[in-house]
Amino acid sequence: MDPKANSLNWFEISVSDIKRAKSFYETVFGIKMDQQENMGMQMAFFPSEDMNGKVSGSLVQGPMHKPSADGSKVYLNGNPDLSNALGKIEKAGGKVVLPKTKISDDIGFMAFFVDSEGNTVALHSNK
């Protein structure tokens, strides 16, 4: 691996109901997600600039994707202040399981939530 490359270049959040999950994430983050079928899976894509080297990902409903509260944690960008997204989670059908917590002055803040599909996902922000 190129030591200057991103250690993560794509993520997928497993869902059992793509329509419900898409609505949840669009509401929490105030974004529009494009949806399409790809390789027999339903996918809804987080906004990104194509091929710019920055990390992006999607929600995926398919036979190889099972929502889970256990396992790896994806930290979504909650900048400038994760409190904004965190405040929308329960109304959108999720649950905050770790409130905004200071990591350090240099690193910022984190929080965990369970999304509409049962996945535990994290947020990070500088403030």
N, C-alpha and C. Protein backbone atom coordinates (compact mmCIF):
# COMPACT_ATOMS: atom_id res chain seq x y z
N MET A 1 0.84 -1.18 0.00
CA MET A 1 0.00 0.00 0.00
C MET A 1 0.89 1.24 0.00
N ASP A 2 0.51 2.21 -0.78
CA ASP A 2 1.19 3.50 -0.80
C ASP A 2 1.01 4.15 0.57
N PRO A 3 2.10 4.47 1.29
CA PRO A 3 1.97 5.04 2.64
C PRO A 3 1.28 6.40 2.66
N LYS A 4 1.14 7.05 1.52
CA LYS A 4 0.46 8.34 1.47
C LYS A 4 -1.00 8.21 1.08
N ALA A 5 -1.43 7.00 0.74
CA ALA A 5 -2.81 6.76 0.31
C ALA A 5 -3.75 6.69 1.51
N ASN A 6 -5.03 6.95 1.25
CA ASN A 6 -6.04 6.77 2.29
C ASN A 6 -6.05 5.32 2.72
N SER A 7 -6.21 5.06 4.00
CA SER A 7 -6.32 3.68 4.45
C SER A 7 -7.72 3.12 4.20
N LEU A 8 -8.66 3.98 3.94
CA LEU A 8 -10.02 3.59 3.61
C LEU A 8 -10.40 4.32 2.33
N ASN A 9 -10.94 3.60 1.34
CA ASN A 9 -11.34 4.28 0.12
C ASN A 9 -12.82 4.09 -0.21
N TRP A 10 -13.51 3.19 0.47
CA TRP A 10 -14.93 2.97 0.22
C TRP A 10 -15.53 2.28 1.43
N PHE A 11 -16.77 2.61 1.76
CA PHE A 11 -17.47 1.89 2.82
C PHE A 11 -18.87 1.58 2.35
N GLU A 12 -19.43 0.51 2.89
CA GLU A 12 -20.80 0.13 2.63
C GLU A 12 -21.49 -0.14 3.96
N ILE A 13 -22.64 0.47 4.14
CA ILE A 13 -23.46 0.23 5.32
C ILE A 13 -24.59 -0.69 4.89
N SER A 14 -24.64 -1.88 5.48
CA SER A 14 -25.65 -2.88 5.12
C SER A 14 -27.02 -2.46 5.62
N VAL A 15 -28.03 -2.65 4.76
CA VAL A 15 -29.41 -2.30 5.12
C VAL A 15 -30.35 -3.41 4.69
N SER A 16 -31.50 -3.49 5.35
CA SER A 16 -32.51 -4.47 4.94
C SER A 16 -33.65 -3.80 4.19
N ASP A 17 -33.79 -2.48 4.30
CA ASP A 17 -34.83 -1.73 3.60
C ASP A 17 -34.19 -0.46 3.04
N ILE A 18 -33.80 -0.48 1.78
CA ILE A 18 -33.05 0.64 1.19
C ILE A 18 -33.84 1.95 1.23
N LYS A 19 -35.14 1.89 1.02
CA LYS A 19 -35.95 3.12 1.03
C LYS A 19 -35.96 3.75 2.42
N ARG A 20 -36.18 2.94 3.43
CA ARG A 20 -36.21 3.44 4.82
C ARG A 20 -34.84 3.98 5.22
N ALA A 21 -33.77 3.23 4.91
CA ALA A 21 -32.42 3.65 5.29
C ALA A 21 -32.02 4.93 4.56
N LYS A 22 -32.34 5.02 3.28
CA LYS A 22 -32.03 6.23 2.49
C LYS A 22 -32.71 7.44 3.12
N SER A 23 -33.97 7.30 3.47
CA SER A 23 -34.72 8.38 4.11
C SER A 23 -34.07 8.78 5.45
N PHE A 24 -33.66 7.79 6.24
CA PHE A 24 -33.01 8.05 7.53
C PHE A 24 -31.75 8.90 7.33
N TYR A 25 -30.84 8.47 6.47
CA TYR A 25 -29.57 9.18 6.29
C TYR A 25 -29.75 10.54 5.61
N GLU A 26 -30.69 10.64 4.69
CA GLU A 26 -30.96 11.94 4.07
C GLU A 26 -31.49 12.93 5.10
N THR A 27 -32.34 12.45 6.01
CA THR A 27 -32.90 13.31 7.06
C THR A 27 -31.83 13.74 8.06
N VAL A 28 -31.05 12.79 8.54
CA VAL A 28 -30.04 13.09 9.57
C VAL A 28 -28.97 14.05 9.05
N PHE A 29 -28.52 13.86 7.81
CA PHE A 29 -27.41 14.66 7.29
C PHE A 29 -27.84 15.76 6.33
N GLY A 30 -29.12 15.87 6.03
CA GLY A 30 -29.59 16.92 5.12
C GLY A 30 -28.98 16.78 3.73
N ILE A 31 -28.92 15.54 3.22
CA ILE A 31 -28.30 15.27 1.92
C ILE A 31 -29.30 14.61 0.98
N LYS A 32 -28.92 14.51 -0.28
CA LYS A 32 -29.68 13.75 -1.28
C LYS A 32 -28.79 12.60 -1.71
N MET A 33 -29.33 11.38 -1.65
CA MET A 33 -28.59 10.19 -2.04
C MET A 33 -29.18 9.63 -3.33
N ASP A 34 -28.33 9.42 -4.33
CA ASP A 34 -28.77 8.79 -5.56
C ASP A 34 -28.85 7.29 -5.35
N GLN A 35 -29.90 6.69 -5.88
CA GLN A 35 -30.12 5.24 -5.71
C GLN A 35 -30.09 4.55 -7.06
N GLN A 36 -29.52 3.35 -7.08
CA GLN A 36 -29.53 2.54 -8.30
C GLN A 36 -29.31 1.08 -7.95
N GLU A 37 -29.61 0.21 -8.92
CA GLU A 37 -29.30 -1.20 -8.76
C GLU A 37 -27.94 -1.44 -9.40
N ASN A 38 -27.09 -2.20 -8.70
CA ASN A 38 -25.74 -2.48 -9.19
C ASN A 38 -25.37 -3.89 -8.77
N MET A 39 -25.03 -4.75 -9.70
CA MET A 39 -24.61 -6.12 -9.42
C MET A 39 -25.64 -6.88 -8.58
N GLY A 40 -26.92 -6.65 -8.85
CA GLY A 40 -27.98 -7.34 -8.13
C GLY A 40 -28.28 -6.79 -6.75
N MET A 41 -27.71 -5.65 -6.42
CA MET A 41 -27.93 -5.02 -5.11
C MET A 41 -28.56 -3.65 -5.30
N GLN A 42 -29.36 -3.24 -4.34
CA GLN A 42 -29.86 -1.87 -4.30
C GLN A 42 -28.85 -1.03 -3.53
N MET A 43 -28.45 0.11 -4.12
CA MET A 43 -27.44 0.96 -3.48
C MET A 43 -27.92 2.41 -3.48
N ALA A 44 -27.63 3.12 -2.39
CA ALA A 44 -27.88 4.56 -2.28
C ALA A 44 -26.55 5.19 -1.87
N PHE A 45 -26.08 6.13 -2.69
CA PHE A 45 -24.73 6.65 -2.56
C PHE A 45 -24.66 7.95 -1.77
N PHE A 46 -23.71 8.00 -0.83
CA PHE A 46 -23.42 9.26 -0.14
C PHE A 46 -22.82 10.22 -1.16
N PRO A 47 -23.10 11.53 -1.03
CA PRO A 47 -22.57 12.49 -1.99
C PRO A 47 -21.03 12.47 -2.01
N SER A 48 -20.47 12.61 -3.20
CA SER A 48 -19.01 12.65 -3.33
C SER A 48 -18.64 13.26 -4.66
N GLU A 49 -17.39 13.65 -4.76
CA GLU A 49 -16.82 14.10 -6.03
C GLU A 49 -16.14 12.89 -6.64
N ASP A 50 -16.64 12.42 -7.77
CA ASP A 50 -16.13 11.21 -8.39
C ASP A 50 -14.63 11.26 -8.64
N MET A 51 -13.98 10.16 -8.26
CA MET A 51 -12.57 9.92 -8.58
C MET A 51 -11.62 11.01 -8.07
N ASN A 52 -11.93 11.62 -6.92
CA ASN A 52 -11.05 12.67 -6.41
C ASN A 52 -10.11 12.16 -5.33
N GLY A 53 -10.14 10.88 -5.03
CA GLY A 53 -9.24 10.31 -4.03
C GLY A 53 -9.75 10.38 -2.61
N LYS A 54 -10.91 11.01 -2.41
CA LYS A 54 -11.49 11.09 -1.07
C LYS A 54 -12.40 9.90 -0.85
N VAL A 55 -12.60 9.56 0.41
CA VAL A 55 -13.42 8.41 0.78
C VAL A 55 -14.90 8.71 0.56
N SER A 56 -15.63 7.73 0.08
CA SER A 56 -17.08 7.81 0.00
C SER A 56 -17.64 6.40 0.20
N GLY A 57 -18.96 6.29 0.11
CA GLY A 57 -19.57 4.98 0.32
C GLY A 57 -21.04 5.00 0.02
N SER A 58 -21.70 3.90 0.39
CA SER A 58 -23.11 3.76 0.08
C SER A 58 -23.83 2.89 1.10
N LEU A 59 -25.14 2.98 1.05
CA LEU A 59 -26.01 2.02 1.73
C LEU A 59 -26.21 0.89 0.73
N VAL A 60 -26.24 -0.35 1.19
CA VAL A 60 -26.40 -1.48 0.27
C VAL A 60 -27.38 -2.50 0.84
N GLN A 61 -28.36 -2.87 0.00
CA GLN A 61 -29.30 -3.94 0.31
C GLN A 61 -29.03 -5.07 -0.67
N GLY A 62 -28.61 -6.21 -0.15
CA GLY A 62 -28.31 -7.34 -1.02
C GLY A 62 -28.01 -8.58 -0.21
N PRO A 63 -27.83 -9.71 -0.88
CA PRO A 63 -27.65 -10.98 -0.18
C PRO A 63 -26.37 -11.06 0.66
N MET A 64 -25.37 -10.27 0.38
CA MET A 64 -24.11 -10.29 1.14
C MET A 64 -24.08 -9.21 2.22
N HIS A 65 -25.18 -8.49 2.40
CA HIS A 65 -25.21 -7.37 3.34
C HIS A 65 -26.28 -7.59 4.40
N LYS A 66 -25.84 -7.73 5.64
CA LYS A 66 -26.75 -7.94 6.77
C LYS A 66 -26.46 -6.87 7.82
N PRO A 67 -27.44 -6.02 8.15
CA PRO A 67 -27.22 -5.01 9.18
C PRO A 67 -26.78 -5.64 10.50
N SER A 68 -25.93 -4.94 11.25
CA SER A 68 -25.41 -5.47 12.51
C SER A 68 -25.01 -4.34 13.44
N ALA A 69 -25.25 -4.56 14.71
CA ALA A 69 -24.79 -3.60 15.72
C ALA A 69 -23.35 -3.91 16.14
N ASP A 70 -22.85 -5.07 15.75
CA ASP A 70 -21.50 -5.49 16.11
C ASP A 70 -20.56 -5.35 14.92
N GLY A 71 -19.28 -5.47 15.17
CA GLY A 71 -18.32 -5.44 14.08
C GLY A 71 -17.68 -4.08 13.90
N SER A 72 -17.15 -3.85 12.72
CA SER A 72 -16.43 -2.61 12.42
C SER A 72 -17.34 -1.40 12.57
N LYS A 73 -16.75 -0.29 12.93
CA LYS A 73 -17.50 0.96 13.05
C LYS A 73 -17.04 1.94 11.98
N VAL A 74 -17.98 2.52 11.28
CA VAL A 74 -17.72 3.56 10.31
C VAL A 74 -17.99 4.88 11.01
N TYR A 75 -17.03 5.81 10.90
CA TYR A 75 -17.20 7.15 11.46
C TYR A 75 -17.56 8.10 10.33
N LEU A 76 -18.79 8.60 10.35
CA LEU A 76 -19.23 9.55 9.34
C LEU A 76 -18.89 10.97 9.79
N ASN A 77 -18.68 11.82 8.81
CA ASN A 77 -18.26 13.20 9.07
C ASN A 77 -19.42 14.01 9.63
N GLY A 78 -19.30 14.46 10.86
CA GLY A 78 -20.32 15.28 11.50
C GLY A 78 -19.94 16.74 11.60
N ASN A 79 -18.89 17.15 10.88
CA ASN A 79 -18.43 18.55 10.94
C ASN A 79 -19.48 19.50 10.40
N PRO A 80 -19.56 20.71 10.91
CA PRO A 80 -18.61 21.30 11.85
C PRO A 80 -18.87 20.90 13.31
N ASP A 81 -20.10 20.46 13.63
CA ASP A 81 -20.44 20.05 15.00
C ASP A 81 -21.41 18.89 14.91
N LEU A 82 -21.00 17.71 15.38
CA LEU A 82 -21.84 16.52 15.26
C LEU A 82 -23.17 16.63 15.99
N SER A 83 -23.32 17.62 16.85
CA SER A 83 -24.60 17.84 17.54
C SER A 83 -25.74 18.07 16.55
N ASN A 84 -25.43 18.68 15.40
CA ASN A 84 -26.47 18.95 14.40
C ASN A 84 -27.09 17.64 13.90
N ALA A 85 -26.27 16.70 13.45
CA ALA A 85 -26.78 15.41 12.97
C ALA A 85 -27.35 14.59 14.13
N LEU A 86 -26.67 14.61 15.26
CA LEU A 86 -27.09 13.83 16.42
C LEU A 86 -28.51 14.20 16.86
N GLY A 87 -28.84 15.47 16.76
CA GLY A 87 -30.17 15.95 17.16
C GLY A 87 -31.29 15.47 16.26
N LYS A 88 -30.97 14.93 15.09
CA LYS A 88 -32.00 14.48 14.13
C LYS A 88 -32.19 12.97 14.15
N ILE A 89 -31.34 12.25 14.83
CA ILE A 89 -31.33 10.79 14.73
C ILE A 89 -32.60 10.14 15.25
N GLU A 90 -33.05 10.51 16.43
CA GLU A 90 -34.22 9.83 17.00
C GLU A 90 -35.49 10.14 16.23
N LYS A 91 -35.65 11.40 15.76
CA LYS A 91 -36.83 11.73 14.96
C LYS A 91 -36.84 10.99 13.63
N ALA A 92 -35.64 10.63 13.13
CA ALA A 92 -35.54 9.92 11.85
C ALA A 92 -35.70 8.41 12.01
N GLY A 93 -35.82 7.93 13.25
CA GLY A 93 -36.04 6.50 13.47
C GLY A 93 -34.84 5.76 14.01
N GLY A 94 -33.81 6.47 14.47
CA GLY A 94 -32.63 5.84 15.04
C GLY A 94 -32.58 6.06 16.55
N LYS A 95 -31.45 5.71 17.15
CA LYS A 95 -31.28 5.86 18.59
C LYS A 95 -29.83 6.22 18.89
N VAL A 96 -29.62 7.26 19.68
CA VAL A 96 -28.28 7.65 20.12
C VAL A 96 -27.88 6.71 21.25
N VAL A 97 -26.74 6.03 21.10
CA VAL A 97 -26.30 5.08 22.13
C VAL A 97 -25.04 5.57 22.86
N LEU A 98 -24.32 6.52 22.30
CA LEU A 98 -23.21 7.19 22.98
C LEU A 98 -23.32 8.66 22.60
N PRO A 99 -23.69 9.52 23.55
CA PRO A 99 -23.85 10.93 23.22
C PRO A 99 -22.51 11.56 22.84
N LYS A 100 -22.57 12.79 22.39
CA LYS A 100 -21.36 13.52 22.01
C LYS A 100 -20.34 13.44 23.15
N THR A 101 -19.16 12.93 22.81
CA THR A 101 -18.12 12.67 23.79
C THR A 101 -16.80 13.25 23.30
N LYS A 102 -16.12 13.99 24.14
CA LYS A 102 -14.83 14.58 23.76
C LYS A 102 -13.76 13.49 23.75
N ILE A 103 -13.02 13.42 22.63
CA ILE A 103 -11.90 12.51 22.53
C ILE A 103 -10.66 13.20 23.07
N SER A 104 -10.34 14.37 22.50
CA SER A 104 -9.24 15.22 22.97
C SER A 104 -9.35 16.57 22.27
N ASP A 105 -8.56 17.53 22.73
CA ASP A 105 -8.56 18.85 22.08
C ASP A 105 -8.11 18.75 20.63
N ASP A 106 -7.16 17.89 20.36
CA ASP A 106 -6.62 17.77 19.00
C ASP A 106 -7.52 16.97 18.06
N ILE A 107 -8.19 15.95 18.57
CA ILE A 107 -8.96 15.05 17.71
C ILE A 107 -10.42 15.47 17.58
N GLY A 108 -11.02 15.99 18.63
CA GLY A 108 -12.40 16.44 18.56
C GLY A 108 -13.36 15.56 19.32
N PHE A 109 -14.52 15.29 18.72
CA PHE A 109 -15.63 14.63 19.41
C PHE A 109 -16.15 13.44 18.60
N MET A 110 -16.82 12.53 19.32
CA MET A 110 -17.41 11.35 18.69
C MET A 110 -18.75 11.06 19.34
N ALA A 111 -19.56 10.26 18.65
CA ALA A 111 -20.83 9.76 19.17
C ALA A 111 -21.17 8.49 18.40
N PHE A 112 -21.96 7.60 19.00
CA PHE A 112 -22.45 6.40 18.33
C PHE A 112 -23.97 6.47 18.26
N PHE A 113 -24.52 5.95 17.16
CA PHE A 113 -25.96 5.82 17.06
C PHE A 113 -26.31 4.52 16.35
N VAL A 114 -27.53 4.05 16.59
CA VAL A 114 -28.07 2.90 15.88
C VAL A 114 -29.00 3.47 14.82
N ASP A 115 -28.77 3.10 13.55
CA ASP A 115 -29.58 3.64 12.46
C ASP A 115 -30.91 2.90 12.34
N SER A 116 -31.68 3.25 11.33
CA SER A 116 -33.00 2.66 11.13
C SER A 116 -32.95 1.17 10.80
N GLU A 117 -31.75 0.65 10.46
CA GLU A 117 -31.60 -0.75 10.07
C GLU A 117 -30.99 -1.62 11.17
N GLY A 118 -30.57 -1.00 12.29
CA GLY A 118 -29.96 -1.75 13.37
C GLY A 118 -28.45 -1.72 13.38
N ASN A 119 -27.83 -0.95 12.47
CA ASN A 119 -26.37 -0.81 12.46
C ASN A 119 -25.92 0.20 13.50
N THR A 120 -24.83 -0.07 14.19
CA THR A 120 -24.23 0.93 15.04
C THR A 120 -23.20 1.67 14.20
N VAL A 121 -23.39 2.98 14.08
CA VAL A 121 -22.55 3.84 13.26
C VAL A 121 -22.03 4.96 14.15
N ALA A 122 -20.88 5.53 13.81
CA ALA A 122 -20.28 6.58 14.62
C ALA A 122 -20.26 7.90 13.85
N LEU A 123 -20.18 8.98 14.60
CA LEU A 123 -19.98 10.32 14.07
C LEU A 123 -18.71 10.89 14.64
N HIS A 124 -18.06 11.76 13.89
CA HIS A 124 -16.89 12.49 14.37
C HIS A 124 -16.99 13.93 13.90
N SER A 125 -16.57 14.86 14.75
CA SER A 125 -16.47 16.27 14.34
C SER A 125 -15.36 16.93 15.15
N ASN A 126 -14.89 18.05 14.63
CA ASN A 126 -13.81 18.79 15.31
C ASN A 126 -14.35 19.56 16.50
N LYS A 127 -15.62 19.96 16.47
CA LYS A 127 -16.22 20.74 17.55
C LYS A 127 -17.36 19.98 18.18
